[in-house]
Amino acid sequence: MDVFEAIARRYSHKAAFAAEPVPNEQLVRIAQAGMAAPSGNNRQTSEFILINDPAVLAEIGHITRHKPLASAPAMIAIVSDTAQSLPGTTFYIEDYAAATENILLAATALGYACGWIDYLLRAPEMDQPICELLGIPADRALMVIIPIGKPAEVAKRRTKKPFEERCSWNRYAVRRTPSSGE
């Protein structure tokens, strides 16, 4: 599958996953795609935890009670070093976002469904026990957990706005329609 097909097929899987395991070699390839992402000032602030231990997966599912996280046979957590990259500047948000997109595309290209789960981690009652479970040190931040696997259920794919509503040539001229939220 080429990159454009992977981009077109990628979606955020919000349904259950099948119990079929993701081979370690596939998880390594997917994580390596995340590691290849661009990084501000080449600081490489993103670190990756590959999760496939059934007990750890079950505990994350128990903590979050989130269908994809409760059923995924594998996950990749991205942890960031939030220290300044340059005086007064950090790049860890950009770094983890670029790494996450690479992981999503790599997983899709290998035939897996996946999702970008970060909003749950904004709640201390979710973030803190998961960080403790995964042994994440206090000087790191858990940014995202990406569940990976074969889908057990058909998931609804959200539609994207048309090209004309989001793109313009040479200067801003995007045309908003009532369907775009206004």
N, C-alpha and C. Protein backbone atom coordinates (compact mmCIF):
# COMPACT_ATOMS: atom_id res chain seq x y z
N MET A 1 0.85 -1.17 0.00
CA MET A 1 0.00 0.00 0.00
C MET A 1 0.90 1.24 0.00
N ASP A 2 0.63 2.18 -0.90
CA ASP A 2 1.45 3.39 -0.91
C ASP A 2 0.94 4.38 0.14
N VAL A 3 1.69 5.44 0.36
CA VAL A 3 1.37 6.39 1.42
C VAL A 3 0.01 7.05 1.19
N PHE A 4 -0.34 7.35 -0.04
CA PHE A 4 -1.63 8.01 -0.30
C PHE A 4 -2.81 7.08 0.00
N GLU A 5 -2.64 5.80 -0.27
CA GLU A 5 -3.69 4.85 0.06
C GLU A 5 -3.81 4.70 1.58
N ALA A 6 -2.68 4.66 2.27
CA ALA A 6 -2.71 4.57 3.74
C ALA A 6 -3.40 5.80 4.33
N ILE A 7 -3.11 6.97 3.80
CA ILE A 7 -3.75 8.19 4.27
C ILE A 7 -5.26 8.12 4.04
N ALA A 8 -5.66 7.67 2.87
CA ALA A 8 -7.09 7.59 2.55
C ALA A 8 -7.81 6.55 3.41
N ARG A 9 -7.14 5.47 3.77
CA ARG A 9 -7.78 4.39 4.54
C ARG A 9 -7.75 4.62 6.05
N ARG A 10 -6.85 5.47 6.52
CA ARG A 10 -6.70 5.68 7.96
C ARG A 10 -7.96 6.32 8.54
N TYR A 11 -8.39 5.82 9.66
CA TYR A 11 -9.51 6.40 10.40
C TYR A 11 -9.30 6.11 11.87
N SER A 12 -10.01 6.79 12.72
CA SER A 12 -9.91 6.56 14.16
C SER A 12 -10.90 5.48 14.55
N HIS A 13 -10.38 4.30 14.83
CA HIS A 13 -11.22 3.16 15.18
C HIS A 13 -11.76 3.35 16.60
N LYS A 14 -13.07 3.47 16.72
CA LYS A 14 -13.69 3.73 18.01
C LYS A 14 -14.55 2.57 18.48
N ALA A 15 -14.39 1.42 17.85
CA ALA A 15 -15.17 0.23 18.21
C ALA A 15 -14.22 -0.82 18.80
N ALA A 16 -14.75 -2.01 19.05
CA ALA A 16 -13.95 -3.08 19.64
C ALA A 16 -12.96 -3.66 18.64
N PHE A 17 -11.90 -4.23 19.18
CA PHE A 17 -10.89 -4.92 18.39
C PHE A 17 -11.07 -6.42 18.55
N ALA A 18 -10.63 -7.16 17.54
CA ALA A 18 -10.60 -8.62 17.63
C ALA A 18 -9.46 -9.03 18.56
N ALA A 19 -9.53 -10.21 19.11
CA ALA A 19 -8.53 -10.70 20.06
C ALA A 19 -7.23 -11.13 19.37
N GLU A 20 -7.17 -11.10 18.07
CA GLU A 20 -5.99 -11.51 17.31
C GLU A 20 -4.77 -10.67 17.69
N PRO A 21 -3.68 -11.31 18.14
CA PRO A 21 -2.51 -10.53 18.55
C PRO A 21 -1.82 -9.83 17.38
N VAL A 22 -1.11 -8.77 17.73
CA VAL A 22 -0.27 -8.06 16.77
C VAL A 22 1.15 -8.57 17.00
N PRO A 23 1.77 -9.18 15.99
CA PRO A 23 3.12 -9.73 16.20
C PRO A 23 4.12 -8.65 16.63
N ASN A 24 5.05 -9.04 17.49
CA ASN A 24 6.07 -8.10 17.98
C ASN A 24 6.79 -7.40 16.84
N GLU A 25 7.09 -8.14 15.77
CA GLU A 25 7.81 -7.55 14.64
C GLU A 25 7.01 -6.41 14.01
N GLN A 26 5.69 -6.57 13.98
CA GLN A 26 4.84 -5.52 13.42
C GLN A 26 4.83 -4.29 14.35
N LEU A 27 4.75 -4.54 15.67
CA LEU A 27 4.79 -3.42 16.61
C LEU A 27 6.10 -2.65 16.52
N VAL A 28 7.19 -3.37 16.35
CA VAL A 28 8.50 -2.71 16.20
C VAL A 28 8.50 -1.85 14.94
N ARG A 29 8.02 -2.39 13.83
CA ARG A 29 7.97 -1.61 12.57
C ARG A 29 7.13 -0.35 12.74
N ILE A 30 5.99 -0.50 13.41
CA ILE A 30 5.09 0.64 13.62
C ILE A 30 5.77 1.69 14.51
N ALA A 31 6.41 1.25 15.58
CA ALA A 31 7.11 2.19 16.47
C ALA A 31 8.27 2.87 15.74
N GLN A 32 8.97 2.11 14.89
CA GLN A 32 10.07 2.71 14.13
C GLN A 32 9.57 3.80 13.19
N ALA A 33 8.36 3.65 12.68
CA ALA A 33 7.77 4.72 11.86
C ALA A 33 7.57 5.97 12.70
N GLY A 34 7.13 5.80 13.95
CA GLY A 34 6.99 6.94 14.85
C GLY A 34 8.33 7.58 15.15
N MET A 35 9.34 6.76 15.34
CA MET A 35 10.68 7.27 15.63
C MET A 35 11.27 8.03 14.45
N ALA A 36 10.80 7.75 13.24
CA ALA A 36 11.31 8.41 12.03
C ALA A 36 10.67 9.77 11.79
N ALA A 37 9.70 10.15 12.60
CA ALA A 37 9.00 11.42 12.41
C ALA A 37 9.95 12.60 12.62
N PRO A 38 9.64 13.72 11.98
CA PRO A 38 10.45 14.91 12.23
C PRO A 38 10.34 15.34 13.69
N SER A 39 11.35 16.05 14.16
CA SER A 39 11.42 16.46 15.55
C SER A 39 12.06 17.84 15.64
N GLY A 40 11.41 18.74 16.36
CA GLY A 40 11.94 20.10 16.50
C GLY A 40 13.36 20.11 17.05
N ASN A 41 14.25 20.78 16.35
CA ASN A 41 15.66 20.89 16.72
C ASN A 41 16.30 19.51 16.90
N ASN A 42 15.70 18.51 16.27
CA ASN A 42 16.13 17.11 16.34
C ASN A 42 16.31 16.62 17.78
N ARG A 43 15.50 17.15 18.69
CA ARG A 43 15.57 16.75 20.10
C ARG A 43 15.02 15.35 20.33
N GLN A 44 14.14 14.87 19.42
CA GLN A 44 13.58 13.53 19.54
C GLN A 44 12.98 13.32 20.94
N THR A 45 12.04 14.19 21.28
CA THR A 45 11.46 14.20 22.62
C THR A 45 10.46 13.07 22.86
N SER A 46 10.02 12.39 21.80
CA SER A 46 9.03 11.32 21.96
C SER A 46 9.71 10.00 22.27
N GLU A 47 9.14 9.28 23.24
CA GLU A 47 9.58 7.94 23.62
C GLU A 47 8.37 7.03 23.53
N PHE A 48 8.59 5.75 23.30
CA PHE A 48 7.51 4.85 22.95
C PHE A 48 7.48 3.64 23.87
N ILE A 49 6.28 3.31 24.34
CA ILE A 49 6.09 2.10 25.14
C ILE A 49 5.19 1.18 24.32
N LEU A 50 5.73 0.03 23.92
CA LEU A 50 4.95 -0.97 23.17
C LEU A 50 4.29 -1.88 24.20
N ILE A 51 2.97 -1.97 24.13
CA ILE A 51 2.22 -2.69 25.15
C ILE A 51 1.51 -3.87 24.50
N ASN A 52 1.85 -5.08 24.95
CA ASN A 52 1.14 -6.27 24.48
C ASN A 52 0.94 -7.31 25.58
N ASP A 53 1.32 -7.00 26.79
CA ASP A 53 1.10 -7.89 27.93
C ASP A 53 -0.39 -7.86 28.26
N PRO A 54 -1.06 -9.02 28.22
CA PRO A 54 -2.51 -9.05 28.46
C PRO A 54 -2.93 -8.42 29.79
N ALA A 55 -2.12 -8.57 30.82
CA ALA A 55 -2.47 -8.00 32.13
C ALA A 55 -2.41 -6.47 32.09
N VAL A 56 -1.41 -5.94 31.44
CA VAL A 56 -1.27 -4.48 31.33
C VAL A 56 -2.39 -3.92 30.44
N LEU A 57 -2.66 -4.59 29.33
CA LEU A 57 -3.76 -4.17 28.44
C LEU A 57 -5.09 -4.17 29.20
N ALA A 58 -5.33 -5.22 29.96
CA ALA A 58 -6.58 -5.34 30.71
C ALA A 58 -6.70 -4.23 31.76
N GLU A 59 -5.60 -3.89 32.41
CA GLU A 59 -5.65 -2.84 33.43
C GLU A 59 -5.91 -1.48 32.80
N ILE A 60 -5.31 -1.21 31.64
CA ILE A 60 -5.60 0.06 30.94
C ILE A 60 -7.08 0.10 30.55
N GLY A 61 -7.60 -1.01 30.07
CA GLY A 61 -9.02 -1.09 29.74
C GLY A 61 -9.90 -0.87 30.96
N HIS A 62 -9.50 -1.43 32.10
CA HIS A 62 -10.26 -1.28 33.34
C HIS A 62 -10.24 0.18 33.81
N ILE A 63 -9.07 0.81 33.75
CA ILE A 63 -8.95 2.20 34.20
C ILE A 63 -9.80 3.12 33.32
N THR A 64 -9.72 2.95 32.02
CA THR A 64 -10.38 3.88 31.10
C THR A 64 -11.82 3.54 30.79
N ARG A 65 -12.16 2.25 30.82
CA ARG A 65 -13.49 1.79 30.43
C ARG A 65 -13.87 2.31 29.03
N HIS A 66 -12.88 2.38 28.17
CA HIS A 66 -13.03 2.88 26.80
C HIS A 66 -12.95 1.68 25.87
N LYS A 67 -13.98 1.47 25.05
CA LYS A 67 -14.09 0.24 24.25
C LYS A 67 -12.82 -0.10 23.48
N PRO A 68 -12.24 0.81 22.70
CA PRO A 68 -11.02 0.44 21.98
C PRO A 68 -9.86 0.07 22.91
N LEU A 69 -9.71 0.82 24.00
CA LEU A 69 -8.61 0.52 24.92
C LEU A 69 -8.90 -0.72 25.76
N ALA A 70 -10.15 -1.08 25.92
CA ALA A 70 -10.50 -2.27 26.69
C ALA A 70 -10.41 -3.54 25.86
N SER A 71 -10.26 -3.41 24.54
CA SER A 71 -10.26 -4.60 23.68
C SER A 71 -9.03 -4.73 22.79
N ALA A 72 -8.19 -3.72 22.72
CA ALA A 72 -7.04 -3.75 21.81
C ALA A 72 -6.03 -4.82 22.23
N PRO A 73 -5.52 -5.60 21.28
CA PRO A 73 -4.51 -6.60 21.60
C PRO A 73 -3.10 -6.01 21.71
N ALA A 74 -2.97 -4.73 21.33
CA ALA A 74 -1.68 -4.05 21.44
C ALA A 74 -1.93 -2.54 21.49
N MET A 75 -0.99 -1.85 22.07
CA MET A 75 -1.05 -0.40 22.14
C MET A 75 0.37 0.14 22.08
N ILE A 76 0.45 1.38 21.65
CA ILE A 76 1.71 2.12 21.76
C ILE A 76 1.38 3.40 22.51
N ALA A 77 2.07 3.62 23.61
CA ALA A 77 1.95 4.86 24.36
C ALA A 77 3.13 5.75 23.98
N ILE A 78 2.84 7.02 23.75
CA ILE A 78 3.91 7.97 23.46
C ILE A 78 4.07 8.86 24.68
N VAL A 79 5.30 8.91 25.15
CA VAL A 79 5.69 9.68 26.32
C VAL A 79 6.63 10.78 25.84
N SER A 80 6.49 11.97 26.42
CA SER A 80 7.32 13.09 25.98
C SER A 80 8.20 13.64 27.09
N ASP A 81 9.39 14.03 26.67
CA ASP A 81 10.27 14.83 27.49
C ASP A 81 9.84 16.27 27.25
N THR A 82 9.29 16.92 28.26
CA THR A 82 8.71 18.26 28.07
C THR A 82 9.69 19.39 28.35
N ALA A 83 10.96 19.06 28.58
CA ALA A 83 11.96 20.09 28.85
C ALA A 83 12.14 20.99 27.63
N GLN A 84 12.63 22.18 27.87
CA GLN A 84 12.84 23.13 26.79
C GLN A 84 13.85 22.59 25.78
N SER A 85 13.54 22.77 24.51
CA SER A 85 14.45 22.35 23.45
C SER A 85 15.42 23.47 23.13
N LEU A 86 14.94 24.67 23.15
CA LEU A 86 15.73 25.88 22.98
C LEU A 86 15.28 26.83 24.09
N PRO A 87 16.04 27.84 24.43
CA PRO A 87 15.60 28.74 25.51
C PRO A 87 14.18 29.27 25.26
N GLY A 88 13.30 28.98 26.20
CA GLY A 88 11.92 29.46 26.11
C GLY A 88 11.04 28.73 25.12
N THR A 89 11.52 27.62 24.55
CA THR A 89 10.77 26.93 23.50
C THR A 89 10.77 25.42 23.73
N THR A 90 9.61 24.83 23.50
CA THR A 90 9.51 23.38 23.50
C THR A 90 8.92 22.93 22.18
N PHE A 91 9.21 21.70 21.82
CA PHE A 91 8.67 21.13 20.58
C PHE A 91 7.97 19.81 20.85
N TYR A 92 7.79 19.43 22.10
CA TYR A 92 7.29 18.09 22.39
C TYR A 92 5.88 17.85 21.85
N ILE A 93 5.04 18.86 21.80
CA ILE A 93 3.69 18.66 21.26
C ILE A 93 3.77 18.36 19.77
N GLU A 94 4.53 19.15 19.05
CA GLU A 94 4.71 18.90 17.62
C GLU A 94 5.36 17.55 17.37
N ASP A 95 6.34 17.22 18.20
CA ASP A 95 7.06 15.95 18.05
C ASP A 95 6.14 14.75 18.24
N TYR A 96 5.35 14.76 19.32
CA TYR A 96 4.47 13.61 19.57
C TYR A 96 3.38 13.53 18.52
N ALA A 97 2.89 14.70 18.04
CA ALA A 97 1.84 14.68 17.02
C ALA A 97 2.37 14.09 15.71
N ALA A 98 3.57 14.48 15.32
CA ALA A 98 4.16 13.93 14.09
C ALA A 98 4.41 12.43 14.24
N ALA A 99 4.93 12.02 15.38
CA ALA A 99 5.18 10.59 15.63
C ALA A 99 3.87 9.81 15.62
N THR A 100 2.83 10.38 16.21
CA THR A 100 1.53 9.71 16.26
C THR A 100 1.00 9.49 14.85
N GLU A 101 1.05 10.51 14.01
CA GLU A 101 0.53 10.36 12.65
C GLU A 101 1.32 9.30 11.88
N ASN A 102 2.64 9.28 12.05
CA ASN A 102 3.43 8.24 11.39
C ASN A 102 3.00 6.85 11.85
N ILE A 103 2.75 6.70 13.15
CA ILE A 103 2.32 5.40 13.70
C ILE A 103 0.97 5.02 13.12
N LEU A 104 0.04 5.95 13.08
CA LEU A 104 -1.29 5.67 12.53
C LEU A 104 -1.21 5.22 11.08
N LEU A 105 -0.38 5.89 10.30
CA LEU A 105 -0.25 5.53 8.88
C LEU A 105 0.46 4.19 8.71
N ALA A 106 1.48 3.93 9.52
CA ALA A 106 2.19 2.65 9.42
C ALA A 106 1.27 1.50 9.80
N ALA A 107 0.51 1.66 10.89
CA ALA A 107 -0.42 0.61 11.30
C ALA A 107 -1.45 0.36 10.21
N THR A 108 -1.98 1.42 9.63
CA THR A 108 -2.96 1.29 8.55
C THR A 108 -2.34 0.57 7.36
N ALA A 109 -1.13 0.94 6.98
CA ALA A 109 -0.45 0.32 5.84
C ALA A 109 -0.24 -1.18 6.07
N LEU A 110 -0.10 -1.59 7.33
CA LEU A 110 0.09 -3.00 7.65
C LEU A 110 -1.24 -3.74 7.85
N GLY A 111 -2.35 -3.03 7.63
CA GLY A 111 -3.66 -3.67 7.68
C GLY A 111 -4.35 -3.64 9.04
N TYR A 112 -3.88 -2.79 9.95
CA TYR A 112 -4.49 -2.70 11.27
C TYR A 112 -5.38 -1.48 11.37
N ALA A 113 -6.32 -1.55 12.29
CA ALA A 113 -7.11 -0.39 12.69
C ALA A 113 -6.40 0.20 13.92
N CYS A 114 -6.59 1.47 14.13
CA CYS A 114 -5.94 2.14 15.25
C CYS A 114 -6.69 3.42 15.58
N GLY A 115 -6.26 4.09 16.62
CA GLY A 115 -6.89 5.35 17.00
C GLY A 115 -5.95 6.22 17.79
N TRP A 116 -6.26 7.49 17.85
CA TRP A 116 -5.47 8.48 18.57
C TRP A 116 -6.26 8.81 19.82
N ILE A 117 -5.84 8.31 20.96
CA ILE A 117 -6.56 8.52 22.22
C ILE A 117 -5.70 9.39 23.13
N ASP A 118 -6.08 10.65 23.25
CA ASP A 118 -5.36 11.52 24.17
C ASP A 118 -6.29 12.24 25.14
N TYR A 119 -7.54 12.46 24.76
CA TYR A 119 -8.43 13.24 25.61
C TYR A 119 -8.67 12.58 26.96
N LEU A 120 -8.68 11.24 27.02
CA LEU A 120 -8.86 10.56 28.30
C LEU A 120 -7.71 10.85 29.25
N LEU A 121 -6.54 11.06 28.70
CA LEU A 121 -5.34 11.24 29.51
C LEU A 121 -5.28 12.62 30.14
N ARG A 122 -6.18 13.50 29.76
CA ARG A 122 -6.21 14.84 30.35
C ARG A 122 -6.83 14.83 31.74
N ALA A 123 -7.53 13.76 32.07
CA ALA A 123 -8.15 13.63 33.39
C ALA A 123 -7.16 12.95 34.33
N PRO A 124 -6.83 13.58 35.46
CA PRO A 124 -5.86 12.97 36.38
C PRO A 124 -6.25 11.57 36.84
N GLU A 125 -7.55 11.29 36.96
CA GLU A 125 -7.96 9.96 37.41
C GLU A 125 -7.67 8.88 36.37
N MET A 126 -7.39 9.27 35.14
CA MET A 126 -6.98 8.32 34.10
C MET A 126 -5.45 8.35 33.95
N ASP A 127 -4.92 9.54 33.80
CA ASP A 127 -3.49 9.71 33.53
C ASP A 127 -2.61 9.14 34.64
N GLN A 128 -2.90 9.50 35.86
CA GLN A 128 -2.03 9.10 36.98
C GLN A 128 -1.92 7.58 37.13
N PRO A 129 -3.04 6.83 37.17
CA PRO A 129 -2.87 5.38 37.33
C PRO A 129 -2.23 4.71 36.11
N ILE A 130 -2.46 5.24 34.92
CA ILE A 130 -1.81 4.66 33.74
C ILE A 130 -0.32 4.93 33.78
N CYS A 131 0.07 6.15 34.16
CA CYS A 131 1.50 6.47 34.28
C CYS A 131 2.17 5.56 35.31
N GLU A 132 1.50 5.33 36.42
CA GLU A 132 2.05 4.43 37.45
C GLU A 132 2.16 3.00 36.91
N LEU A 133 1.12 2.54 36.24
CA LEU A 133 1.12 1.19 35.67
C LEU A 133 2.27 1.01 34.68
N LEU A 134 2.50 2.01 33.85
CA LEU A 134 3.54 1.92 32.81
C LEU A 134 4.92 2.35 33.31
N GLY A 135 5.02 2.78 34.55
CA GLY A 135 6.32 3.15 35.11
C GLY A 135 6.89 4.42 34.51
N ILE A 136 6.04 5.34 34.12
CA ILE A 136 6.50 6.58 33.50
C ILE A 136 7.03 7.51 34.58
N PRO A 137 8.28 7.96 34.45
CA PRO A 137 8.85 8.83 35.48
C PRO A 137 8.17 10.21 35.52
N ALA A 138 8.31 10.89 36.64
CA ALA A 138 7.65 12.19 36.85
C ALA A 138 8.13 13.26 35.88
N ASP A 139 9.33 13.12 35.31
CA ASP A 139 9.82 14.14 34.38
C ASP A 139 9.40 13.87 32.94
N ARG A 140 8.44 12.97 32.74
CA ARG A 140 7.90 12.67 31.41
C ARG A 140 6.39 12.83 31.45
N ALA A 141 5.78 13.09 30.29
CA ALA A 141 4.34 13.24 30.19
C ALA A 141 3.78 12.20 29.22
N LEU A 142 2.74 11.50 29.65
CA LEU A 142 2.04 10.57 28.77
C LEU A 142 1.16 11.40 27.85
N MET A 143 1.41 11.32 26.55
CA MET A 143 0.71 12.18 25.59
C MET A 143 -0.46 11.50 24.90
N VAL A 144 -0.27 10.23 24.53
CA VAL A 144 -1.29 9.54 23.74
C VAL A 144 -1.12 8.04 23.92
N ILE A 145 -2.22 7.33 23.80
CA ILE A 145 -2.18 5.88 23.71
C ILE A 145 -2.86 5.52 22.40
N ILE A 146 -2.20 4.70 21.61
CA ILE A 146 -2.72 4.30 20.30
C ILE A 146 -3.05 2.81 20.36
N PRO A 147 -4.35 2.46 20.40
CA PRO A 147 -4.72 1.05 20.34
C PRO A 147 -4.55 0.54 18.91
N ILE A 148 -4.05 -0.68 18.76
CA ILE A 148 -3.76 -1.24 17.45
C ILE A 148 -4.27 -2.68 17.40
N GLY A 149 -4.92 -3.03 16.30
CA GLY A 149 -5.38 -4.40 16.12
C GLY A 149 -6.30 -4.52 14.92
N LYS A 150 -6.83 -5.70 14.75
CA LYS A 150 -7.83 -5.94 13.70
C LYS A 150 -9.20 -5.60 14.28
N PRO A 151 -10.04 -4.93 13.52
CA PRO A 151 -11.35 -4.57 14.07
C PRO A 151 -12.26 -5.78 14.26
N ALA A 152 -12.98 -5.79 15.38
CA ALA A 152 -13.98 -6.84 15.63
C ALA A 152 -15.36 -6.36 15.20
N GLU A 153 -15.51 -5.06 15.16
CA GLU A 153 -16.77 -4.44 14.78
C GLU A 153 -16.50 -3.43 13.66
N VAL A 154 -17.49 -3.24 12.83
CA VAL A 154 -17.38 -2.20 11.81
C VAL A 154 -17.53 -0.86 12.53
N ALA A 155 -16.58 0.01 12.32
CA ALA A 155 -16.63 1.32 12.96
C ALA A 155 -17.10 2.37 11.97
N LYS A 156 -17.83 3.33 12.48
CA LYS A 156 -18.31 4.42 11.65
C LYS A 156 -17.13 5.33 11.32
N ARG A 157 -16.97 5.60 10.06
CA ARG A 157 -15.92 6.53 9.63
C ARG A 157 -16.54 7.90 9.45
N ARG A 158 -15.91 8.88 9.99
CA ARG A 158 -16.41 10.24 9.86
C ARG A 158 -16.03 10.80 8.50
N THR A 159 -16.90 11.60 7.94
CA THR A 159 -16.61 12.19 6.64
C THR A 159 -15.75 13.44 6.82
N LYS A 160 -14.98 13.73 5.84
CA LYS A 160 -14.14 14.93 5.83
C LYS A 160 -14.82 16.00 4.98
N LYS A 161 -14.60 17.23 5.33
CA LYS A 161 -15.15 18.34 4.56
C LYS A 161 -14.54 18.32 3.17
N PRO A 162 -15.26 18.84 2.18
CA PRO A 162 -14.72 18.86 0.81
C PRO A 162 -13.51 19.80 0.68
N PHE A 163 -12.72 19.53 -0.31
CA PHE A 163 -11.52 20.30 -0.62
C PHE A 163 -11.80 21.80 -0.61
N GLU A 164 -12.86 22.22 -1.26
CA GLU A 164 -13.17 23.64 -1.43
C GLU A 164 -13.46 24.34 -0.11
N GLU A 165 -13.86 23.60 0.90
CA GLU A 165 -14.14 24.20 2.21
C GLU A 165 -12.90 24.34 3.07
N ARG A 166 -11.78 23.76 2.62
CA ARG A 166 -10.59 23.81 3.47
C ARG A 166 -9.34 24.27 2.76
N CYS A 167 -9.40 24.41 1.46
CA CYS A 167 -8.19 24.78 0.71
C CYS A 167 -8.47 25.97 -0.19
N SER A 168 -7.44 26.78 -0.39
CA SER A 168 -7.50 27.88 -1.36
C SER A 168 -6.12 28.01 -1.99
N TRP A 169 -6.06 28.72 -3.09
CA TRP A 169 -4.81 28.89 -3.83
C TRP A 169 -4.27 30.31 -3.61
N ASN A 170 -3.02 30.40 -3.23
CA ASN A 170 -2.22 31.61 -3.19
C ASN A 170 -2.59 32.63 -2.12
N ARG A 171 -3.81 32.67 -1.66
CA ARG A 171 -4.21 33.51 -0.55
C ARG A 171 -5.48 32.96 0.05
N TYR A 172 -5.76 33.33 1.27
CA TYR A 172 -6.90 32.75 1.97
C TYR A 172 -8.20 33.10 1.27
N ALA A 173 -8.94 32.06 0.91
CA ALA A 173 -10.24 32.25 0.27
C ALA A 173 -11.13 31.03 0.55
N VAL A 174 -10.95 30.43 1.70
CA VAL A 174 -11.75 29.25 2.02
C VAL A 174 -13.21 29.65 2.13
N ARG A 175 -14.05 28.88 1.50
CA ARG A 175 -15.48 29.17 1.49
C ARG A 175 -16.19 28.24 2.46
N ARG A 176 -16.73 28.81 3.48
CA ARG A 176 -17.46 28.05 4.49
C ARG A 176 -18.91 27.92 4.05
N THR A 177 -19.46 26.76 4.29
CA THR A 177 -20.88 26.54 3.99
C THR A 177 -21.58 26.23 5.31
N PRO A 178 -22.90 26.32 5.34
CA PRO A 178 -23.61 25.99 6.58
C PRO A 178 -23.29 24.58 7.10
N SER A 179 -22.92 23.66 6.20
CA SER A 179 -22.61 22.30 6.64
C SER A 179 -21.29 22.22 7.40
N SER A 180 -20.48 23.28 7.37
CA SER A 180 -19.18 23.24 8.04
C SER A 180 -19.24 23.78 9.46
N GLY A 181 -20.44 23.83 10.03
CA GLY A 181 -20.55 24.18 11.43
C GLY A 181 -21.02 25.58 11.71
N GLU A 182 -21.29 26.36 10.71
CA GLU A 182 -21.76 27.74 10.95
C GLU A 182 -23.25 27.83 10.88
